[in-house]
Amino acid sequence: MKTDIASQLQFFVLLARYGNLSAAARELDLTPPAATKRLSQMETRLGVRLVNRTTRSISLTAEGETYLHHATRILAEIREMEDAVASSRSVPRGLLRVNATLGFGRTTIAPLVSEFAKRYPHVEVQLDLTDRPVDLVESGIDLAIRFGSLPDKRLNARRVMSNRRFLCASPAYLARHGTPEALADLTHHHCIVHRQNDDAHGVWRFVHGDHAEVVKVHGMLSSNDGDIVLGWALDGHGILVRSEWDLAKYLESGRLRVVLPEFVQPSADLFVYYPNKRNQSARARAFIDFLVERFKHVGFPAAA
């Protein structure tokens, strides 16, 4: 039975995404020999080689890159067409692919997806967690949930929650080492560094009124995991930059205190962003509205 063109396009996009025939085959519920045969048939029909094969992975040829570019665009247009046709239906349904960061996605977004699934049982949600931003179109992701500035200004976005960032430390650390009274004092303190993506290591940027200031900090502990560095701050190892969302319960209980409250980092507001507002699917609109509703009443204790 001849494979339809949309299935071939989907197969090739998955192949390029995973870089592995076996992984693409598993995603489509094919056997590896069937996937190999499908790729061979495509190359024979087109008269060009689309990929370079090794024993463990594949890489795209120049022709394969061209095919991928057009395949991604065509599949996006097919989905947009189907969503436009189905948008008149009152009940959201179909597949929704959502991306979020690892820690926040696991502790907060995953439970919200569970809630959403109970409210909208006809929507199939695939939740992927990655700390690095993803290319929504190329990855086939419908929505991404991220703190801070948007990685691509061409994307559409909706603010879900305002979220400032502050310096904080445990009372035990401040009792031992004193409370900094100016940003320059941070150079003499133990600072805990959260390494994020490509941010400069140990460089903290602050806003004070209309002025921006930069401080190079030092410390014995750093990690790329936000929960780990927060735990170290709670254990009294030093001063940390953290957002209101993470600090709220510890400020309220007194386990952490904000220091230099007049100096804040650039905001880490929570956004949900998406590639195309035109003909947005009912399921995507429902999920965005659901997030905004759930975060609407989030309140934080005073920072000072």
C-alpha atoms as a PDB file:
ATOM      1  CA  MET A   1       0.000   0.000   0.000  1.00  0.00           C
ATOM      2  CA  LYS A   2       1.447   3.317  -1.043  1.00  0.00           C
ATOM      3  CA  THR A   3       2.298   5.672   1.837  1.00  0.00           C
ATOM      4  CA  ASP A   4       0.546   9.048   1.521  1.00  0.00           C
ATOM      5  CA  ILE A   5       2.674  12.179   1.179  1.00  0.00           C
ATOM      6  CA  ALA A   6       1.711  13.610   4.596  1.00  0.00           C
ATOM      7  CA  SER A   7       2.926  10.425   6.303  1.00  0.00           C
ATOM      8  CA  GLN A   8       6.203  10.620   4.385  1.00  0.00           C
ATOM      9  CA  LEU A   9       6.685  14.220   5.442  1.00  0.00           C
ATOM     10  CA  GLN A  10       5.950  13.372   9.069  1.00  0.00           C
ATOM     11  CA  PHE A  11       8.328  10.415   8.916  1.00  0.00           C
ATOM     12  CA  PHE A  12      11.163  12.540   7.553  1.00  0.00           C
ATOM     13  CA  VAL A  13      10.639  15.335  10.098  1.00  0.00           C
ATOM     14  CA  LEU A  14      10.814  12.780  12.922  1.00  0.00           C
ATOM     15  CA  LEU A  15      13.884  11.193  11.363  1.00  0.00           C
ATOM     16  CA  ALA A  16      15.632  14.571  11.257  1.00  0.00           C
ATOM     17  CA  ARG A  17      14.557  15.384  14.823  1.00  0.00           C
ATOM     18  CA  TYR A  18      15.834  12.142  16.348  1.00  0.00           C
ATOM     19  CA  GLY A  19      18.773  11.565  14.005  1.00  0.00           C
ATOM     20  CA  ASN A  20      18.083   7.871  14.252  1.00  0.00           C
ATOM     21  CA  LEU A  21      15.936   5.505  12.179  1.00  0.00           C
ATOM     22  CA  SER A  22      15.028   3.282  15.123  1.00  0.00           C
ATOM     23  CA  ALA A  23      13.749   6.226  17.200  1.00  0.00           C
ATOM     24  CA  ALA A  24      11.654   7.535  14.314  1.00  0.00           C
ATOM     25  CA  ALA A  25      10.304   4.038  13.735  1.00  0.00           C
ATOM     26  CA  ARG A  26       9.261   3.688  17.401  1.00  0.00           C
ATOM     27  CA  GLU A  27       7.462   7.039  17.274  1.00  0.00           C
ATOM     28  CA  LEU A  28       5.427   5.877  14.266  1.00  0.00           C
ATOM     29  CA  ASP A  29       4.985   2.301  15.517  1.00  0.00           C
ATOM     30  CA  LEU A  30       7.041   0.904  12.627  1.00  0.00           C
ATOM     31  CA  THR A  31       9.660  -1.818  12.632  1.00  0.00           C
ATOM     32  CA  PRO A  32      13.224  -0.615  11.877  1.00  0.00           C
ATOM     33  CA  PRO A  33      13.261  -2.548   8.553  1.00  0.00           C
ATOM     34  CA  ALA A  34       9.972  -0.866   7.564  1.00  0.00           C
ATOM     35  CA  ALA A  35      11.446   2.557   8.369  1.00  0.00           C
ATOM     36  CA  THR A  36      14.562   1.796   6.352  1.00  0.00           C
ATOM     37  CA  LYS A  37      12.403   0.675   3.432  1.00  0.00           C
ATOM     38  CA  ARG A  38      10.286   3.830   3.620  1.00  0.00           C
ATOM     39  CA  LEU A  39      13.378   6.053   3.499  1.00  0.00           C
ATOM     40  CA  SER A  40      14.788   4.067   0.582  1.00  0.00           C
ATOM     41  CA  GLN A  41      11.511   4.383  -1.344  1.00  0.00           C
ATOM     42  CA  MET A  42      11.474   8.150  -0.784  1.00  0.00           C
ATOM     43  CA  GLU A  43      15.041   8.536  -2.045  1.00  0.00           C
ATOM     44  CA  THR A  44      14.332   6.337  -5.061  1.00  0.00           C
ATOM     45  CA  ARG A  45      11.221   8.316  -5.945  1.00  0.00           C
ATOM     46  CA  LEU A  46      13.045  11.652  -5.617  1.00  0.00           C
ATOM     47  CA  GLY A  47      16.227  10.416  -7.305  1.00  0.00           C
ATOM     48  CA  VAL A  48      18.496  11.920  -4.613  1.00  0.00           C
ATOM     49  CA  ARG A  49      20.045  10.845  -1.330  1.00  0.00           C
ATOM     50  CA  LEU A  50      18.349  12.582   1.606  1.00  0.00           C
ATOM     51  CA  VAL A  51      20.566  11.365   4.455  1.00  0.00           C
ATOM     52  CA  ASN A  52      24.062  10.116   5.148  1.00  0.00           C
ATOM     53  CA  ARG A  53      23.896   6.913   7.197  1.00  0.00           C
ATOM     54  CA  THR A  54      26.286   5.592   9.830  1.00  0.00           C
ATOM     55  CA  THR A  55      25.828   2.538  12.030  1.00  0.00           C
ATOM     56  CA  ARG A  56      24.199   4.576  14.832  1.00  0.00           C
ATOM     57  CA  SER A  57      22.891   7.811  13.381  1.00  0.00           C
ATOM     58  CA  ILE A  58      22.045   9.769  10.268  1.00  0.00           C
ATOM     59  CA  SER A  59      22.798  13.289   9.045  1.00  0.00           C
ATOM     60  CA  LEU A  60      20.973  15.232   6.371  1.00  0.00           C
ATOM     61  CA  THR A  61      22.416  15.897   2.954  1.00  0.00           C
ATOM     62  CA  ALA A  62      21.914  19.307   1.342  1.00  0.00           C
ATOM     63  CA  GLU A  63      18.882  17.849  -0.458  1.00  0.00           C
ATOM     64  CA  GLY A  64      17.660  16.454   2.864  1.00  0.00           C
ATOM     65  CA  GLU A  65      17.899  19.894   4.478  1.00  0.00           C
ATOM     66  CA  THR A  66      15.808  21.349   1.655  1.00  0.00           C
ATOM     67  CA  TYR A  67      13.243  18.552   1.994  1.00  0.00           C
ATOM     68  CA  LEU A  68      13.076  19.082   5.784  1.00  0.00           C
ATOM     69  CA  HIS A  69      12.520  22.820   5.405  1.00  0.00           C
ATOM     70  CA  HIS A  70       9.566  22.354   3.076  1.00  0.00           C
ATOM     71  CA  ALA A  71       8.194  19.324   4.959  1.00  0.00           C
ATOM     72  CA  THR A  72       8.094  21.269   8.241  1.00  0.00           C
ATOM     73  CA  ARG A  73       6.286  24.176   6.591  1.00  0.00           C
ATOM     74  CA  ILE A  74       3.780  21.960   4.769  1.00  0.00           C
ATOM     75  CA  LEU A  75       2.911  19.950   7.904  1.00  0.00           C
ATOM     76  CA  ALA A  76       2.408  23.186   9.861  1.00  0.00           C
ATOM     77  CA  GLU A  77       0.056  24.442   7.135  1.00  0.00           C
ATOM     78  CA  ILE A  78      -1.875  21.158   7.148  1.00  0.00           C
ATOM     79  CA  ARG A  79      -2.326  21.393  10.921  1.00  0.00           C
ATOM     80  CA  GLU A  80      -3.387  25.042  10.600  1.00  0.00           C
ATOM     81  CA  MET A  81      -5.911  24.094   7.921  1.00  0.00           C
ATOM     82  CA  GLU A  82      -7.376  21.291  10.039  1.00  0.00           C
ATOM     83  CA  ASP A  83      -7.536  23.532  13.113  1.00  0.00           C
ATOM     84  CA  ALA A  84      -9.310  26.242  11.104  1.00  0.00           C
ATOM     85  CA  VAL A  85     -11.861  23.741   9.822  1.00  0.00           C
ATOM     86  CA  ALA A  86     -12.401  22.233  13.265  1.00  0.00           C
ATOM     87  CA  SER A  87     -12.406  25.525  15.199  1.00  0.00           C
ATOM     88  CA  SER A  88     -16.191  25.760  15.034  1.00  0.00           C
ATOM     89  CA  ARG A  89     -16.497  22.729  17.289  1.00  0.00           C
ATOM     90  CA  SER A  90     -17.261  23.772  20.854  1.00  0.00           C
ATOM     91  CA  VAL A  91     -15.315  20.960  22.538  1.00  0.00           C
ATOM     92  CA  PRO A  92     -11.478  21.212  22.296  1.00  0.00           C
ATOM     93  CA  ARG A  93      -9.976  17.984  21.014  1.00  0.00           C
ATOM     94  CA  GLY A  94      -6.884  16.593  19.324  1.00  0.00           C
ATOM     95  CA  LEU A  95      -3.142  16.560  20.072  1.00  0.00           C
ATOM     96  CA  LEU A  96      -1.495  19.431  21.991  1.00  0.00           C
ATOM     97  CA  ARG A  97       2.305  19.465  22.341  1.00  0.00           C
ATOM     98  CA  VAL A  98       3.566  21.525  25.300  1.00  0.00           C
ATOM     99  CA  ASN A  99       7.150  22.334  26.312  1.00  0.00           C
ATOM    100  CA  ALA A 100       8.337  23.599  29.725  1.00  0.00           C
ATOM    101  CA  THR A 101      11.523  23.767  31.782  1.00  0.00           C
ATOM    102  CA  LEU A 102      12.598  20.688  33.747  1.00  0.00           C
ATOM    103  CA  GLY A 103      12.081  21.720  37.374  1.00  0.00           C
ATOM    104  CA  PHE A 104       9.069  24.010  36.916  1.00  0.00           C
ATOM    105  CA  GLY A 105       7.537  21.625  34.395  1.00  0.00           C
ATOM    106  CA  ARG A 106       7.827  18.683  36.748  1.00  0.00           C
ATOM    107  CA  THR A 107       6.602  20.374  39.936  1.00  0.00           C
ATOM    108  CA  THR A 108       4.003  22.823  38.584  1.00  0.00           C
ATOM    109  CA  ILE A 109       3.052  22.322  34.932  1.00  0.00           C
ATOM    110  CA  ALA A 110       2.639  18.527  35.131  1.00  0.00           C
ATOM    111  CA  PRO A 111      -0.009  18.759  37.902  1.00  0.00           C
ATOM    112  CA  LEU A 112      -1.778  21.497  35.923  1.00  0.00           C
ATOM    113  CA  VAL A 113      -1.795  19.268  32.838  1.00  0.00           C
ATOM    114  CA  SER A 114      -3.449  16.606  34.997  1.00  0.00           C
ATOM    115  CA  GLU A 115      -6.129  19.142  35.972  1.00  0.00           C
ATOM    116  CA  PHE A 116      -6.556  20.274  32.368  1.00  0.00           C
ATOM    117  CA  ALA A 117      -6.940  16.675  31.183  1.00  0.00           C
ATOM    118  CA  LYS A 118      -9.837  16.151  33.583  1.00  0.00           C
ATOM    119  CA  ARG A 119     -11.545  19.288  32.299  1.00  0.00           C
ATOM    120  CA  TYR A 120     -10.874  18.534  28.606  1.00  0.00           C
ATOM    121  CA  PRO A 121     -10.783  14.721  28.227  1.00  0.00           C
ATOM    122  CA  HIS A 122     -10.784  14.893  24.402  1.00  0.00           C
ATOM    123  CA  VAL A 123      -7.411  16.707  24.281  1.00  0.00           C
ATOM    124  CA  GLU A 124      -4.286  14.533  24.119  1.00  0.00           C
ATOM    125  CA  VAL A 125      -1.405  16.399  25.804  1.00  0.00           C
ATOM    126  CA  GLN A 126       2.258  15.588  25.163  1.00  0.00           C
ATOM    127  CA  LEU A 127       4.451  17.400  27.734  1.00  0.00           C
ATOM    128  CA  ASP A 128       8.179  17.680  26.938  1.00  0.00           C
ATOM    129  CA  LEU A 129      10.589  19.130  29.510  1.00  0.00           C
ATOM    130  CA  THR A 130      13.840  20.769  28.402  1.00  0.00           C
ATOM    131  CA  ASP A 131      15.851  23.557  30.005  1.00  0.00           C
ATOM    132  CA  ARG A 132      17.085  24.958  26.707  1.00  0.00           C
ATOM    133  CA  PRO A 133      14.561  26.852  24.557  1.00  0.00           C
ATOM    134  CA  VAL A 134      13.232  24.900  21.573  1.00  0.00           C
ATOM    135  CA  ASP A 135      12.374  25.874  18.013  1.00  0.00           C
ATOM    136  CA  LEU A 136       8.615  25.526  18.183  1.00  0.00           C
ATOM    137  CA  VAL A 137       7.992  25.060  14.461  1.00  0.00           C
ATOM    138  CA  GLU A 138      10.836  22.646  13.780  1.00  0.00           C
ATOM    139  CA  SER A 139      10.072  20.629  16.934  1.00  0.00           C
ATOM    140  CA  GLY A 140       6.333  20.491  16.265  1.00  0.00           C
ATOM    141  CA  ILE A 141       5.599  22.128  19.644  1.00  0.00           C
ATOM    142  CA  ASP A 142       2.323  24.060  19.978  1.00  0.00           C
ATOM    143  CA  LEU A 143       3.056  25.951  23.197  1.00  0.00           C
ATOM    144  CA  ALA A 144       6.129  26.638  25.337  1.00  0.00           C
ATOM    145  CA  ILE A 145       6.036  27.860  28.952  1.00  0.00           C
ATOM    146  CA  ARG A 146       9.091  29.858  29.985  1.00  0.00           C
ATOM    147  CA  PHE A 147      10.327  32.320  32.599  1.00  0.00           C
ATOM    148  CA  GLY A 148      12.129  35.480  31.502  1.00  0.00           C
ATOM    149  CA  SER A 149      12.510  37.198  28.151  1.00  0.00           C
ATOM    150  CA  LEU A 150      11.305  35.389  25.060  1.00  0.00           C
ATOM    151  CA  PRO A 151      14.007  33.589  23.027  1.00  0.00           C
ATOM    152  CA  ASP A 152      12.519  34.660  19.692  1.00  0.00           C
ATOM    153  CA  LYS A 153      10.767  38.024  19.298  1.00  0.00           C
ATOM    154  CA  ARG A 154       8.918  36.704  16.223  1.00  0.00           C
ATOM    155  CA  LEU A 155       6.822  34.454  18.438  1.00  0.00           C
ATOM    156  CA  ASN A 156       3.457  35.366  19.864  1.00  0.00           C
ATOM    157  CA  ALA A 157       3.286  35.392  23.643  1.00  0.00           C
ATOM    158  CA  ARG A 158       0.908  35.856  26.529  1.00  0.00           C
ATOM    159  CA  ARG A 159       2.083  36.801  30.007  1.00  0.00           C
ATOM    160  CA  VAL A 160       0.836  34.275  32.540  1.00  0.00           C
ATOM    161  CA  MET A 161       2.359  35.712  35.729  1.00  0.00           C
ATOM    162  CA  SER A 162       4.594  38.585  36.863  1.00  0.00           C
ATOM    163  CA  ASN A 163       7.658  37.324  38.693  1.00  0.00           C
ATOM    164  CA  ARG A 164      10.549  39.392  40.075  1.00  0.00           C
ATOM    165  CA  ARG A 165      13.979  38.084  41.139  1.00  0.00           C
ATOM    166  CA  PHE A 166      15.794  38.958  44.364  1.00  0.00           C
ATOM    167  CA  LEU A 167      18.947  38.277  46.333  1.00  0.00           C
ATOM    168  CA  CYS A 168      18.333  35.987  49.287  1.00  0.00           C
ATOM    169  CA  ALA A 169      20.180  34.095  52.010  1.00  0.00           C
ATOM    170  CA  SER A 170      19.386  32.098  55.127  1.00  0.00           C
ATOM    171  CA  PRO A 171      19.337  33.797  58.543  1.00  0.00           C
ATOM    172  CA  ALA A 172      22.153  31.451  59.644  1.00  0.00           C
ATOM    173  CA  TYR A 173      24.423  32.590  56.800  1.00  0.00           C
ATOM    174  CA  LEU A 174      23.705  36.279  57.482  1.00  0.00           C
ATOM    175  CA  ALA A 175      24.389  35.789  61.205  1.00  0.00           C
ATOM    176  CA  ARG A 176      27.832  34.321  60.404  1.00  0.00           C
ATOM    177  CA  HIS A 177      28.896  36.617  57.561  1.00  0.00           C
ATOM    178  CA  GLY A 178      26.839  39.768  57.969  1.00  0.00           C
ATOM    179  CA  THR A 179      24.242  41.366  55.707  1.00  0.00           C
ATOM    180  CA  PRO A 180      25.542  43.132  52.581  1.00  0.00           C
ATOM    181  CA  GLU A 181      24.666  46.832  52.486  1.00  0.00           C
ATOM    182  CA  ALA A 182      25.760  47.563  48.891  1.00  0.00           C
ATOM    183  CA  LEU A 183      26.233  45.553  45.700  1.00  0.00           C
ATOM    184  CA  ALA A 184      30.004  45.898  46.046  1.00  0.00           C
ATOM    185  CA  ASP A 185      29.781  43.919  49.303  1.00  0.00           C
ATOM    186  CA  LEU A 186      28.770  40.821  47.301  1.00  0.00           C
ATOM    187  CA  THR A 187      32.375  40.383  46.146  1.00  0.00           C
ATOM    188  CA  HIS A 188      33.285  39.550  49.769  1.00  0.00           C
ATOM    189  CA  HIS A 189      30.455  37.055  50.260  1.00  0.00           C
ATOM    190  CA  HIS A 190      29.950  33.406  49.338  1.00  0.00           C
ATOM    191  CA  CYS A 191      27.566  33.486  46.368  1.00  0.00           C
ATOM    192  CA  ILE A 192      25.795  30.434  44.995  1.00  0.00           C
ATOM    193  CA  VAL A 193      25.669  30.474  41.192  1.00  0.00           C
ATOM    194  CA  HIS A 194      22.884  28.948  39.146  1.00  0.00           C
ATOM    195  CA  ARG A 195      24.379  28.218  35.713  1.00  0.00           C
ATOM    196  CA  GLN A 196      21.663  28.720  33.097  1.00  0.00           C
ATOM    197  CA  ASN A 197      22.048  28.065  29.368  1.00  0.00           C
ATOM    198  CA  ASP A 198      24.717  30.404  27.978  1.00  0.00           C
ATOM    199  CA  ASP A 199      24.630  33.061  30.717  1.00  0.00           C
ATOM    200  CA  ALA A 200      28.051  34.343  31.755  1.00  0.00           C
ATOM    201  CA  HIS A 201      29.255  32.371  34.779  1.00  0.00           C
ATOM    202  CA  GLY A 202      28.999  34.343  38.029  1.00  0.00           C
ATOM    203  CA  VAL A 203      27.879  37.610  36.420  1.00  0.00           C
ATOM    204  CA  TRP A 204      24.804  39.067  38.128  1.00  0.00           C
ATOM    205  CA  ARG A 205      22.913  41.955  36.521  1.00  0.00           C
ATOM    206  CA  PHE A 206      20.719  44.262  38.584  1.00  0.00           C
ATOM    207  CA  VAL A 207      18.294  47.125  38.056  1.00  0.00           C
ATOM    208  CA  HIS A 208      18.204  49.982  40.567  1.00  0.00           C
ATOM    209  CA  GLY A 209      15.813  52.750  39.576  1.00  0.00           C
ATOM    210  CA  ASP A 210      16.782  53.747  36.046  1.00  0.00           C
ATOM    211  CA  HIS A 211      20.276  52.309  36.295  1.00  0.00           C
ATOM    212  CA  ALA A 212      21.653  48.861  35.458  1.00  0.00           C
ATOM    213  CA  GLU A 213      24.603  47.461  37.383  1.00  0.00           C
ATOM    214  CA  VAL A 214      26.723  44.351  36.901  1.00  0.00           C
ATOM    215  CA  VAL A 215      28.577  42.438  39.629  1.00  0.00           C
ATOM    216  CA  LYS A 216      31.018  39.558  39.222  1.00  0.00           C
ATOM    217  CA  VAL A 217      30.459  37.205  42.154  1.00  0.00           C
ATOM    218  CA  HIS A 218      32.392  34.234  43.492  1.00  0.00           C
ATOM    219  CA  GLY A 219      31.544  31.165  45.510  1.00  0.00           C
ATOM    220  CA  MET A 220      32.446  27.557  46.101  1.00  0.00           C
ATOM    221  CA  LEU A 221      29.130  26.105  44.931  1.00  0.00           C
ATOM    222  CA  SER A 222      27.361  26.261  41.564  1.00  0.00           C
ATOM    223  CA  SER A 223      24.955  24.043  39.648  1.00  0.00           C
ATOM    224  CA  ASN A 224      22.790  24.024  36.542  1.00  0.00           C
ATOM    225  CA  ASP A 225      19.852  22.734  38.648  1.00  0.00           C
ATOM    226  CA  GLY A 226      17.670  25.352  40.314  1.00  0.00           C
ATOM    227  CA  ASP A 227      16.393  23.075  43.084  1.00  0.00           C
ATOM    228  CA  ILE A 228      19.952  22.175  44.069  1.00  0.00           C
ATOM    229  CA  VAL A 229      21.167  25.773  44.422  1.00  0.00           C
ATOM    230  CA  LEU A 230      18.029  26.691  46.366  1.00  0.00           C
ATOM    231  CA  GLY A 231      18.718  23.803  48.752  1.00  0.00           C
ATOM    232  CA  TRP A 232      22.288  25.046  49.282  1.00  0.00           C
ATOM    233  CA  ALA A 233      20.990  28.518  50.147  1.00  0.00           C
ATOM    234  CA  LEU A 234      18.555  26.992  52.651  1.00  0.00           C
ATOM    235  CA  ASP A 235      21.506  25.092  54.174  1.00  0.00           C
ATOM    236  CA  GLY A 236      23.312  28.388  54.777  1.00  0.00           C
ATOM    237  CA  HIS A 237      26.055  28.143  52.151  1.00  0.00           C
ATOM    238  CA  GLY A 238      25.660  31.642  50.701  1.00  0.00           C
ATOM    239  CA  ILE A 239      23.700  34.284  48.830  1.00  0.00           C
ATOM    240  CA  LEU A 240      21.550  33.306  45.854  1.00  0.00           C
ATOM    241  CA  VAL A 241      19.496  35.072  43.180  1.00  0.00           C
ATOM    242  CA  ARG A 242      16.037  33.549  42.998  1.00  0.00           C
ATOM    243  CA  SER A 243      12.553  34.438  41.727  1.00  0.00           C
ATOM    244  CA  GLU A 244       9.484  35.278  43.822  1.00  0.00           C
ATOM    245  CA  TRP A 245       7.848  32.078  42.621  1.00  0.00           C
ATOM    246  CA  ASP A 246      10.574  29.949  44.220  1.00  0.00           C
ATOM    247  CA  LEU A 247      11.119  32.129  47.288  1.00  0.00           C
ATOM    248  CA  ALA A 248       7.525  32.737  48.402  1.00  0.00           C
ATOM    249  CA  LYS A 249       7.083  29.941  50.937  1.00  0.00           C
ATOM    250  CA  TYR A 250      10.622  30.292  52.342  1.00  0.00           C
ATOM    251  CA  LEU A 251      10.267  34.069  52.842  1.00  0.00           C
ATOM    252  CA  GLU A 252       6.945  33.495  54.556  1.00  0.00           C
ATOM    253  CA  SER A 253       8.397  30.858  56.897  1.00  0.00           C
ATOM    254  CA  GLY A 254      11.555  32.897  57.562  1.00  0.00           C
ATOM    255  CA  ARG A 255      13.939  30.235  56.227  1.00  0.00           C
ATOM    256  CA  LEU A 256      15.251  32.779  53.711  1.00  0.00           C
ATOM    257  CA  ARG A 257      15.525  36.568  53.797  1.00  0.00           C
ATOM    258  CA  VAL A 258      15.783  39.050  50.955  1.00  0.00           C
ATOM    259  CA  VAL A 259      18.945  41.174  51.042  1.00  0.00           C
ATOM    260  CA  LEU A 260      19.465  44.452  49.179  1.00  0.00           C
ATOM    261  CA  PRO A 261      15.756  44.495  48.217  1.00  0.00           C
ATOM    262  CA  GLU A 262      16.188  47.759  46.282  1.00  0.00           C
ATOM    263  CA  PHE A 263      18.323  45.871  43.741  1.00  0.00           C
ATOM    264  CA  VAL A 264      16.420  43.417  41.561  1.00  0.00           C
ATOM    265  CA  GLN A 265      17.411  41.408  38.523  1.00  0.00           C
ATOM    266  CA  PRO A 266      15.575  41.781  35.197  1.00  0.00           C
ATOM    267  CA  SER A 267      12.118  40.273  35.638  1.00  0.00           C
ATOM    268  CA  ALA A 268      11.512  36.568  35.187  1.00  0.00           C
ATOM    269  CA  ASP A 269       7.850  36.845  34.200  1.00  0.00           C
ATOM    270  CA  LEU A 270       6.148  33.627  33.133  1.00  0.00           C
ATOM    271  CA  PHE A 271       5.061  33.502  29.482  1.00  0.00           C
ATOM    272  CA  VAL A 272       3.331  30.981  27.278  1.00  0.00           C
ATOM    273  CA  TYR A 273       4.439  31.467  23.691  1.00  0.00           C
ATOM    274  CA  TYR A 274       3.385  29.985  20.383  1.00  0.00           C
ATOM    275  CA  PRO A 275       4.283  30.300  16.691  1.00  0.00           C
ATOM    276  CA  ASN A 276       1.046  31.492  15.108  1.00  0.00           C
ATOM    277  CA  LYS A 277      -1.947  33.346  16.544  1.00  0.00           C
ATOM    278  CA  ARG A 278      -3.953  33.137  13.329  1.00  0.00           C
ATOM    279  CA  ASN A 279      -6.321  30.153  13.364  1.00  0.00           C
ATOM    280  CA  GLN A 280      -5.012  29.023  16.751  1.00  0.00           C
ATOM    281  CA  SER A 281      -6.627  25.721  17.687  1.00  0.00           C
ATOM    282  CA  ALA A 282      -9.406  25.543  20.266  1.00  0.00           C
ATOM    283  CA  ARG A 283      -7.290  23.191  22.400  1.00  0.00           C
ATOM    284  CA  ALA A 284      -4.353  25.654  22.465  1.00  0.00           C
ATOM    285  CA  ARG A 285      -6.635  28.567  23.376  1.00  0.00           C
ATOM    286  CA  ALA A 286      -8.259  26.465  26.094  1.00  0.00           C
ATOM    287  CA  PHE A 287      -4.891  25.516  27.597  1.00  0.00           C
ATOM    288  CA  ILE A 288      -3.584  29.106  27.571  1.00  0.00           C
ATOM    289  CA  ASP A 289      -6.783  30.407  29.176  1.00  0.00           C
ATOM    290  CA  PHE A 290      -6.562  27.613  31.739  1.00  0.00           C
ATOM    291  CA  LEU A 291      -2.985  28.594  32.698  1.00  0.00           C
ATOM    292  CA  VAL A 292      -3.857  32.281  33.011  1.00  0.00           C
ATOM    293  CA  GLU A 293      -6.852  31.407  35.179  1.00  0.00           C
ATOM    294  CA  ARG A 294      -4.823  29.167  37.499  1.00  0.00           C
ATOM    295  CA  PHE A 295      -2.008  31.697  37.989  1.00  0.00           C
ATOM    296  CA  LYS A 296      -4.286  34.729  38.274  1.00  0.00           C
ATOM    297  CA  HIS A 297      -4.543  34.680  42.049  1.00  0.00           C
ATOM    298  CA  VAL A 298      -0.900  33.892  42.817  1.00  0.00           C
ATOM    299  CA  GLY A 299       0.373  36.319  45.461  1.00  0.00           C
ATOM    300  CA  PHE A 300       3.828  36.826  46.963  1.00  0.00           C
ATOM    301  CA  PRO A 301       4.921  38.014  50.402  1.00  0.00           C
ATOM    302  CA  ALA A 302       6.608  41.406  50.533  1.00  0.00           C
ATOM    303  CA  ALA A 303      10.253  41.329  49.501  1.00  0.00           C
ATOM    304  CA  ALA A 304      11.446  43.965  51.956  1.00  0.00           C
END
